[in-house]
């Protein structure tokens, strides 16, 4: 980290919220990555976790001398705070937002040729696209994934 250092004051409750935000933010940015980890997010998470003892949250922190500058959340932190519930809520909402949109887009581009799409006005394009997406929104609102099947033709 570079730049002029600034000081901020946090209550214990504010620090705990910051800890959760940084943890969840780094998870959102890096959990799906294998080779292209965004190190700056890991580093800020490490720094914020390194302050846990100053706020009385030693049980949230796992750090061994052999870890160097790396600080890890404990199982206690993940299970006893609401971070897993917030993570699950995010995943659930993302799933239900993405699934109809991706299936609807697929159907839209299967239903209309490139030539037909090019002739559409912007309004018509959006209407027809959202009509395809709404088929799935309605289906999933009514039946969840119960009737969703993979066609093995």
N, C-alpha and C. Protein backbone atom coordinates (compact mmCIF):
# COMPACT_ATOMS: atom_id res chain seq x y z
N UNK A 1 0.85 -1.17 0.00
CA UNK A 1 0.00 0.00 0.00
C UNK A 1 0.90 1.24 0.00
N UNK A 2 0.57 2.16 -0.86
CA UNK A 2 1.36 3.38 -0.94
C UNK A 2 0.47 4.58 -0.71
N UNK A 3 1.10 5.73 -0.58
CA UNK A 3 0.34 6.95 -0.39
C UNK A 3 0.45 7.45 1.04
N UNK A 4 -0.08 8.62 1.24
CA UNK A 4 -0.06 9.25 2.56
C UNK A 4 -0.97 8.47 3.50
N UNK A 5 -0.45 8.18 4.68
CA UNK A 5 -1.24 7.44 5.67
C UNK A 5 -2.24 8.36 6.34
N UNK A 6 -3.42 7.86 6.55
CA UNK A 6 -4.49 8.57 7.24
C UNK A 6 -4.94 7.70 8.41
N UNK A 7 -5.51 8.33 9.38
CA UNK A 7 -6.04 7.61 10.53
C UNK A 7 -7.54 7.73 10.55
N UNK A 8 -8.20 6.62 10.80
CA UNK A 8 -9.65 6.65 11.00
C UNK A 8 -9.93 6.00 12.35
N UNK A 9 -10.96 6.47 12.99
CA UNK A 9 -11.35 5.90 14.28
C UNK A 9 -12.61 5.08 14.07
N UNK A 10 -12.60 3.88 14.62
CA UNK A 10 -13.75 2.98 14.51
C UNK A 10 -14.10 2.44 15.88
N UNK A 11 -15.39 2.33 16.12
CA UNK A 11 -15.82 1.63 17.32
C UNK A 11 -15.61 0.13 17.08
N UNK A 12 -15.74 -0.65 18.10
CA UNK A 12 -15.62 -2.11 17.97
C UNK A 12 -16.66 -2.64 16.98
N UNK A 13 -17.89 -2.13 17.07
CA UNK A 13 -18.97 -2.57 16.19
C UNK A 13 -18.69 -2.16 14.74
N UNK A 14 -18.16 -0.96 14.54
CA UNK A 14 -17.83 -0.50 13.19
C UNK A 14 -16.69 -1.33 12.60
N UNK A 15 -15.70 -1.65 13.44
CA UNK A 15 -14.60 -2.49 12.96
C UNK A 15 -15.11 -3.87 12.54
N UNK A 16 -16.00 -4.45 13.33
CA UNK A 16 -16.54 -5.77 12.98
C UNK A 16 -17.26 -5.70 11.63
N UNK A 17 -18.03 -4.65 11.41
CA UNK A 17 -18.70 -4.48 10.11
C UNK A 17 -17.69 -4.32 8.99
N UNK A 18 -16.66 -3.51 9.22
CA UNK A 18 -15.61 -3.32 8.22
C UNK A 18 -14.93 -4.65 7.91
N UNK A 19 -14.65 -5.43 8.92
CA UNK A 19 -14.03 -6.74 8.74
C UNK A 19 -14.89 -7.62 7.83
N UNK A 20 -16.18 -7.63 8.09
CA UNK A 20 -17.10 -8.43 7.26
C UNK A 20 -17.16 -7.90 5.83
N UNK A 21 -17.23 -6.59 5.69
CA UNK A 21 -17.30 -5.99 4.35
C UNK A 21 -16.05 -6.32 3.55
N UNK A 22 -14.90 -6.18 4.17
CA UNK A 22 -13.64 -6.46 3.47
C UNK A 22 -13.55 -7.94 3.12
N UNK A 23 -13.93 -8.80 4.04
CA UNK A 23 -13.93 -10.24 3.79
C UNK A 23 -14.84 -10.59 2.61
N UNK A 24 -16.07 -10.08 2.65
CA UNK A 24 -17.04 -10.37 1.58
C UNK A 24 -16.61 -9.75 0.27
N UNK A 25 -16.04 -8.56 0.32
CA UNK A 25 -15.57 -7.90 -0.90
C UNK A 25 -14.44 -8.67 -1.55
N UNK A 26 -13.48 -9.11 -0.76
CA UNK A 26 -12.38 -9.90 -1.32
C UNK A 26 -12.91 -11.22 -1.87
N UNK A 27 -13.85 -11.82 -1.15
CA UNK A 27 -14.44 -13.07 -1.66
C UNK A 27 -15.11 -12.83 -3.02
N UNK A 28 -15.89 -11.77 -3.13
CA UNK A 28 -16.59 -11.46 -4.38
C UNK A 28 -15.61 -11.27 -5.53
N UNK A 29 -14.51 -10.63 -5.25
CA UNK A 29 -13.54 -10.31 -6.29
C UNK A 29 -12.63 -11.49 -6.62
N UNK A 30 -12.24 -12.28 -5.63
CA UNK A 30 -11.20 -13.29 -5.85
C UNK A 30 -11.64 -14.74 -5.76
N UNK A 31 -12.78 -15.05 -5.22
CA UNK A 31 -13.15 -16.46 -4.99
C UNK A 31 -13.18 -17.28 -6.28
N UNK A 32 -13.55 -16.68 -7.37
CA UNK A 32 -13.67 -17.41 -8.63
C UNK A 32 -12.36 -17.44 -9.43
N UNK A 33 -11.35 -16.77 -8.94
CA UNK A 33 -10.07 -16.67 -9.65
C UNK A 33 -9.11 -17.77 -9.20
N UNK A 34 -8.27 -18.22 -10.13
CA UNK A 34 -7.25 -19.20 -9.77
C UNK A 34 -5.85 -18.63 -10.02
N UNK A 35 -5.65 -18.02 -11.16
CA UNK A 35 -4.31 -17.53 -11.50
C UNK A 35 -4.20 -16.01 -11.45
N UNK A 36 -5.29 -15.33 -11.61
CA UNK A 36 -5.25 -13.86 -11.71
C UNK A 36 -5.83 -13.19 -10.47
N UNK A 37 -5.39 -13.67 -9.31
CA UNK A 37 -5.86 -13.12 -8.03
C UNK A 37 -5.54 -11.63 -7.99
N UNK A 38 -6.51 -10.85 -7.55
CA UNK A 38 -6.32 -9.41 -7.38
C UNK A 38 -5.66 -9.20 -6.01
N UNK A 39 -4.35 -9.13 -6.03
CA UNK A 39 -3.55 -9.10 -4.79
C UNK A 39 -3.88 -7.91 -3.90
N UNK A 40 -4.21 -6.76 -4.50
CA UNK A 40 -4.47 -5.57 -3.69
C UNK A 40 -5.67 -5.77 -2.77
N UNK A 41 -6.64 -6.59 -3.18
CA UNK A 41 -7.81 -6.87 -2.35
C UNK A 41 -7.44 -7.86 -1.24
N UNK A 42 -6.61 -8.84 -1.57
CA UNK A 42 -6.11 -9.75 -0.55
C UNK A 42 -5.30 -8.99 0.50
N UNK A 43 -4.47 -8.07 0.03
CA UNK A 43 -3.60 -7.32 0.94
C UNK A 43 -4.40 -6.45 1.91
N UNK A 44 -5.44 -5.79 1.41
CA UNK A 44 -6.23 -4.95 2.32
C UNK A 44 -7.00 -5.83 3.29
N UNK A 45 -7.47 -6.99 2.84
CA UNK A 45 -8.12 -7.92 3.76
C UNK A 45 -7.13 -8.38 4.84
N UNK A 46 -5.91 -8.71 4.43
CA UNK A 46 -4.89 -9.10 5.40
C UNK A 46 -4.65 -7.99 6.41
N UNK A 47 -4.54 -6.78 5.93
CA UNK A 47 -4.29 -5.66 6.84
C UNK A 47 -5.44 -5.47 7.83
N UNK A 48 -6.66 -5.47 7.35
CA UNK A 48 -7.82 -5.28 8.23
C UNK A 48 -7.91 -6.44 9.23
N UNK A 49 -7.67 -7.67 8.78
CA UNK A 49 -7.69 -8.81 9.70
C UNK A 49 -6.56 -8.72 10.73
N UNK A 50 -5.43 -8.15 10.33
CA UNK A 50 -4.30 -8.05 11.27
C UNK A 50 -4.64 -7.15 12.46
N UNK A 51 -5.63 -6.29 12.32
CA UNK A 51 -6.03 -5.38 13.40
C UNK A 51 -7.03 -6.01 14.37
N UNK A 52 -7.50 -7.21 14.07
CA UNK A 52 -8.53 -7.86 14.89
C UNK A 52 -8.20 -7.90 16.38
N UNK A 53 -6.97 -8.23 16.78
CA UNK A 53 -6.68 -8.26 18.21
C UNK A 53 -6.87 -6.90 18.90
N UNK A 54 -6.60 -5.82 18.19
CA UNK A 54 -6.76 -4.49 18.79
C UNK A 54 -8.22 -4.19 19.14
N UNK A 55 -9.13 -4.88 18.47
CA UNK A 55 -10.56 -4.66 18.70
C UNK A 55 -11.20 -5.79 19.49
N UNK A 56 -10.37 -6.73 19.96
CA UNK A 56 -10.89 -7.83 20.77
C UNK A 56 -11.50 -8.96 19.96
N UNK A 57 -11.09 -9.11 18.71
CA UNK A 57 -11.63 -10.16 17.84
C UNK A 57 -10.57 -11.20 17.47
N UNK A 58 -9.74 -11.58 18.42
CA UNK A 58 -8.71 -12.57 18.15
C UNK A 58 -9.29 -13.86 17.58
N UNK A 59 -10.50 -14.20 18.04
CA UNK A 59 -11.11 -15.47 17.60
C UNK A 59 -11.50 -15.45 16.12
N UNK A 60 -11.49 -14.27 15.48
CA UNK A 60 -11.81 -14.16 14.05
C UNK A 60 -10.58 -14.34 13.17
N UNK A 61 -9.43 -14.40 13.78
CA UNK A 61 -8.17 -14.29 13.06
C UNK A 61 -7.32 -15.54 13.21
N UNK A 62 -6.78 -16.01 12.10
CA UNK A 62 -5.83 -17.11 12.11
C UNK A 62 -4.56 -16.60 11.44
N UNK A 63 -3.47 -16.59 12.21
CA UNK A 63 -2.20 -16.12 11.66
C UNK A 63 -1.06 -16.84 12.36
N UNK A 64 -0.22 -17.43 11.56
CA UNK A 64 1.00 -18.08 12.06
C UNK A 64 2.18 -17.28 11.52
N UNK A 65 3.27 -17.32 12.22
CA UNK A 65 4.47 -16.60 11.77
C UNK A 65 4.86 -17.03 10.36
N UNK A 66 4.68 -18.32 10.06
CA UNK A 66 5.02 -18.84 8.73
C UNK A 66 4.11 -18.30 7.64
N UNK A 67 2.97 -17.68 8.03
CA UNK A 67 2.06 -17.09 7.05
C UNK A 67 2.58 -15.76 6.50
N UNK A 68 3.59 -15.20 7.13
CA UNK A 68 4.11 -13.91 6.68
C UNK A 68 3.06 -12.82 6.88
N UNK A 69 2.75 -12.12 5.83
CA UNK A 69 1.77 -11.02 5.89
C UNK A 69 0.34 -11.48 5.64
N UNK A 70 0.13 -12.78 5.55
CA UNK A 70 -1.22 -13.30 5.28
C UNK A 70 -1.96 -13.55 6.58
N UNK A 71 -3.20 -13.10 6.62
CA UNK A 71 -4.09 -13.30 7.77
C UNK A 71 -5.35 -13.95 7.24
N UNK A 72 -5.84 -14.93 7.95
CA UNK A 72 -6.98 -15.70 7.46
C UNK A 72 -8.12 -15.66 8.47
N UNK A 73 -9.35 -15.63 7.96
CA UNK A 73 -10.49 -15.72 8.87
C UNK A 73 -10.58 -17.12 9.45
N UNK A 74 -11.01 -17.20 10.67
CA UNK A 74 -11.18 -18.51 11.30
C UNK A 74 -12.54 -19.09 10.94
N UNK A 75 -12.68 -20.34 11.23
CA UNK A 75 -13.97 -21.01 11.06
C UNK A 75 -15.02 -20.34 11.96
N UNK A 76 -14.58 -19.93 13.14
CA UNK A 76 -15.47 -19.24 14.08
C UNK A 76 -16.04 -17.98 13.43
N UNK A 77 -15.17 -17.18 12.80
CA UNK A 77 -15.63 -15.97 12.12
C UNK A 77 -16.66 -16.30 11.05
N UNK A 78 -16.37 -17.30 10.25
CA UNK A 78 -17.26 -17.66 9.14
C UNK A 78 -18.58 -18.26 9.62
N UNK A 79 -18.55 -18.98 10.74
CA UNK A 79 -19.75 -19.66 11.20
C UNK A 79 -20.55 -18.88 12.24
N UNK A 80 -19.89 -18.05 13.02
CA UNK A 80 -20.57 -17.36 14.12
C UNK A 80 -20.99 -15.93 13.78
N UNK A 81 -20.54 -15.41 12.66
CA UNK A 81 -21.04 -14.10 12.22
C UNK A 81 -22.02 -14.36 11.08
N UNK A 82 -22.55 -13.31 10.53
CA UNK A 82 -23.53 -13.46 9.45
C UNK A 82 -22.91 -13.50 8.06
N UNK A 83 -21.57 -13.62 7.95
CA UNK A 83 -20.95 -13.58 6.62
C UNK A 83 -21.40 -14.73 5.72
N UNK A 84 -21.56 -15.93 6.26
CA UNK A 84 -22.04 -17.04 5.42
C UNK A 84 -23.48 -16.82 4.97
N UNK A 85 -24.31 -16.31 5.85
CA UNK A 85 -25.71 -16.03 5.49
C UNK A 85 -25.76 -14.95 4.41
N UNK A 86 -24.95 -13.91 4.55
CA UNK A 86 -24.91 -12.84 3.55
C UNK A 86 -24.39 -13.37 2.22
N UNK A 87 -23.39 -14.22 2.29
CA UNK A 87 -22.84 -14.84 1.08
C UNK A 87 -23.88 -15.72 0.39
N UNK A 88 -24.57 -16.54 1.17
CA UNK A 88 -25.62 -17.41 0.61
C UNK A 88 -26.76 -16.60 0.01
N UNK A 89 -27.14 -15.52 0.69
CA UNK A 89 -28.20 -14.65 0.18
C UNK A 89 -27.79 -14.04 -1.15
N UNK A 90 -26.55 -13.60 -1.25
CA UNK A 90 -26.03 -13.04 -2.49
C UNK A 90 -26.07 -14.09 -3.60
N UNK A 91 -25.56 -15.28 -3.32
CA UNK A 91 -25.56 -16.35 -4.32
C UNK A 91 -26.96 -16.68 -4.78
N UNK A 92 -27.89 -16.79 -3.84
CA UNK A 92 -29.27 -17.12 -4.19
C UNK A 92 -29.88 -16.05 -5.09
N UNK A 93 -29.72 -14.80 -4.71
CA UNK A 93 -30.28 -13.72 -5.52
C UNK A 93 -29.62 -13.63 -6.88
N UNK A 94 -28.32 -13.82 -6.93
CA UNK A 94 -27.60 -13.77 -8.20
C UNK A 94 -28.06 -14.90 -9.11
N UNK A 95 -28.22 -16.08 -8.54
CA UNK A 95 -28.70 -17.22 -9.32
C UNK A 95 -30.04 -16.92 -9.98
N UNK A 96 -30.99 -16.43 -9.17
CA UNK A 96 -32.33 -16.18 -9.69
C UNK A 96 -32.38 -14.97 -10.63
N UNK A 97 -31.43 -14.06 -10.54
CA UNK A 97 -31.34 -12.96 -11.49
C UNK A 97 -30.70 -13.41 -12.79
N UNK A 98 -29.66 -14.19 -12.69
CA UNK A 98 -28.88 -14.58 -13.86
C UNK A 98 -29.53 -15.69 -14.70
N UNK A 99 -30.13 -16.66 -14.05
CA UNK A 99 -30.67 -17.80 -14.79
C UNK A 99 -31.71 -17.39 -15.84
N UNK A 100 -32.75 -16.65 -15.48
CA UNK A 100 -33.72 -16.27 -16.50
C UNK A 100 -33.11 -15.37 -17.58
N UNK A 101 -32.20 -14.50 -17.17
CA UNK A 101 -31.59 -13.60 -18.14
C UNK A 101 -30.75 -14.37 -19.16
N UNK A 102 -29.95 -15.30 -18.70
CA UNK A 102 -29.10 -16.05 -19.62
C UNK A 102 -29.92 -16.96 -20.53
N UNK A 103 -30.93 -17.61 -19.97
CA UNK A 103 -31.77 -18.47 -20.80
C UNK A 103 -32.60 -17.64 -21.78
N UNK A 104 -33.10 -16.51 -21.31
CA UNK A 104 -33.88 -15.63 -22.19
C UNK A 104 -33.04 -15.09 -23.33
N UNK A 105 -31.82 -14.69 -23.05
CA UNK A 105 -30.92 -14.20 -24.12
C UNK A 105 -30.63 -15.31 -25.12
N UNK A 106 -30.39 -16.50 -24.60
CA UNK A 106 -30.14 -17.63 -25.50
C UNK A 106 -31.32 -17.84 -26.43
N UNK A 107 -32.52 -17.85 -25.85
CA UNK A 107 -33.73 -18.06 -26.66
C UNK A 107 -33.93 -16.93 -27.67
N UNK A 108 -33.67 -15.70 -27.25
CA UNK A 108 -33.82 -14.55 -28.14
C UNK A 108 -32.94 -14.72 -29.38
N UNK A 109 -31.67 -15.06 -29.17
CA UNK A 109 -30.75 -15.20 -30.30
C UNK A 109 -30.99 -16.47 -31.10
N UNK A 110 -31.69 -17.44 -30.54
CA UNK A 110 -32.11 -18.61 -31.32
C UNK A 110 -33.37 -18.31 -32.11
N UNK A 111 -34.23 -17.47 -31.56
CA UNK A 111 -35.52 -17.16 -32.16
C UNK A 111 -35.41 -16.20 -33.34
N UNK A 112 -34.47 -15.26 -33.24
CA UNK A 112 -34.34 -14.23 -34.28
C UNK A 112 -32.98 -14.32 -34.95
N UNK A 113 -32.99 -14.15 -36.27
CA UNK A 113 -31.73 -14.16 -37.01
C UNK A 113 -31.01 -12.84 -36.80
N UNK A 114 -29.75 -12.84 -37.14
CA UNK A 114 -28.96 -11.61 -37.02
C UNK A 114 -29.57 -10.51 -37.89
N UNK A 115 -30.06 -10.89 -39.05
CA UNK A 115 -30.69 -9.93 -39.97
C UNK A 115 -31.95 -9.34 -39.35
N UNK A 116 -32.77 -10.18 -38.73
CA UNK A 116 -33.99 -9.70 -38.06
C UNK A 116 -33.66 -8.77 -36.90
N UNK A 117 -32.65 -9.12 -36.16
CA UNK A 117 -32.25 -8.30 -35.01
C UNK A 117 -31.77 -6.93 -35.46
N UNK A 118 -30.99 -6.90 -36.53
CA UNK A 118 -30.48 -5.62 -37.05
C UNK A 118 -31.60 -4.70 -37.51
N UNK A 119 -32.72 -5.25 -37.95
CA UNK A 119 -33.86 -4.45 -38.41
C UNK A 119 -34.69 -3.91 -37.25
N UNK A 120 -34.52 -4.46 -36.07
CA UNK A 120 -35.33 -4.05 -34.91
C UNK A 120 -34.89 -2.68 -34.41
N UNK A 121 -35.89 -1.90 -33.99
CA UNK A 121 -35.56 -0.66 -33.29
C UNK A 121 -35.03 -1.05 -31.91
N UNK A 122 -34.43 -0.11 -31.23
CA UNK A 122 -33.91 -0.37 -29.89
C UNK A 122 -35.06 -0.79 -28.97
N UNK A 123 -36.19 -0.10 -29.07
CA UNK A 123 -37.36 -0.44 -28.24
C UNK A 123 -37.85 -1.85 -28.53
N UNK A 124 -37.96 -2.20 -29.82
CA UNK A 124 -38.44 -3.52 -30.20
C UNK A 124 -37.47 -4.61 -29.73
N UNK A 125 -36.17 -4.33 -29.86
CA UNK A 125 -35.14 -5.28 -29.44
C UNK A 125 -35.29 -5.58 -27.95
N UNK A 126 -35.39 -4.51 -27.14
CA UNK A 126 -35.54 -4.70 -25.69
C UNK A 126 -36.83 -5.42 -25.35
N UNK A 127 -37.92 -5.04 -26.00
CA UNK A 127 -39.21 -5.68 -25.70
C UNK A 127 -39.16 -7.17 -25.99
N UNK A 128 -38.64 -7.52 -27.15
CA UNK A 128 -38.59 -8.94 -27.52
C UNK A 128 -37.60 -9.72 -26.64
N UNK A 129 -36.51 -9.08 -26.30
CA UNK A 129 -35.56 -9.73 -25.41
C UNK A 129 -36.20 -9.97 -24.05
N UNK A 130 -36.84 -8.93 -23.49
CA UNK A 130 -37.45 -9.09 -22.17
C UNK A 130 -38.65 -10.02 -22.20
N UNK A 131 -39.32 -10.13 -23.34
CA UNK A 131 -40.38 -11.14 -23.46
C UNK A 131 -39.81 -12.54 -23.29
N UNK A 132 -38.64 -12.77 -23.88
CA UNK A 132 -37.98 -14.08 -23.74
C UNK A 132 -37.53 -14.31 -22.29
N UNK A 133 -36.99 -13.29 -21.67
CA UNK A 133 -36.53 -13.41 -20.28
C UNK A 133 -37.72 -13.62 -19.35
N UNK A 134 -38.82 -12.90 -19.60
CA UNK A 134 -39.99 -13.00 -18.72
C UNK A 134 -40.63 -14.39 -18.73
N UNK A 135 -40.47 -15.13 -19.82
CA UNK A 135 -40.97 -16.51 -19.85
C UNK A 135 -40.33 -17.29 -18.70
N UNK A 136 -39.04 -17.10 -18.52
CA UNK A 136 -38.33 -17.81 -17.45
C UNK A 136 -38.60 -17.20 -16.09
N UNK A 137 -38.71 -15.88 -16.02
CA UNK A 137 -39.06 -15.26 -14.73
C UNK A 137 -40.39 -15.81 -14.23
N UNK A 138 -41.37 -15.91 -15.12
CA UNK A 138 -42.68 -16.44 -14.75
C UNK A 138 -42.59 -17.92 -14.36
N UNK A 139 -41.86 -18.68 -15.15
CA UNK A 139 -41.71 -20.11 -14.89
C UNK A 139 -41.06 -20.35 -13.53
N UNK A 140 -39.97 -19.65 -13.26
CA UNK A 140 -39.25 -19.88 -12.01
C UNK A 140 -40.00 -19.33 -10.81
N UNK A 141 -40.77 -18.27 -11.01
CA UNK A 141 -41.59 -17.73 -9.92
C UNK A 141 -42.67 -18.73 -9.53
N UNK A 142 -43.18 -19.45 -10.52
CA UNK A 142 -44.25 -20.41 -10.28
C UNK A 142 -43.73 -21.77 -9.84
N UNK A 143 -42.68 -22.26 -10.51
CA UNK A 143 -42.24 -23.64 -10.30
C UNK A 143 -40.80 -23.80 -9.80
N UNK A 144 -40.10 -22.70 -9.59
CA UNK A 144 -38.69 -22.83 -9.23
C UNK A 144 -37.96 -23.54 -10.36
N UNK A 145 -37.04 -24.44 -10.02
CA UNK A 145 -36.34 -25.20 -11.06
C UNK A 145 -36.93 -26.59 -11.26
N UNK A 146 -38.08 -26.83 -10.65
CA UNK A 146 -38.69 -28.16 -10.67
C UNK A 146 -38.85 -28.71 -12.09
N UNK A 147 -39.23 -27.86 -13.05
CA UNK A 147 -39.47 -28.35 -14.42
C UNK A 147 -38.28 -28.13 -15.33
N UNK A 148 -37.17 -27.65 -14.80
CA UNK A 148 -35.97 -27.40 -15.60
C UNK A 148 -35.26 -28.73 -15.84
N UNK A 149 -35.03 -29.05 -17.10
CA UNK A 149 -34.37 -30.31 -17.49
C UNK A 149 -33.36 -30.04 -18.61
N UNK A 150 -32.37 -30.89 -18.70
CA UNK A 150 -31.40 -30.84 -19.78
C UNK A 150 -31.90 -31.75 -20.90
N UNK A 151 -32.02 -31.20 -22.10
CA UNK A 151 -32.47 -31.97 -23.26
C UNK A 151 -31.29 -32.77 -23.79
N UNK A 152 -31.39 -34.09 -23.72
CA UNK A 152 -30.29 -34.97 -24.15
C UNK A 152 -30.59 -35.56 -25.54
N UNK A 153 -30.84 -34.70 -26.50
CA UNK A 153 -31.17 -35.22 -27.84
C UNK A 153 -29.99 -35.70 -28.59
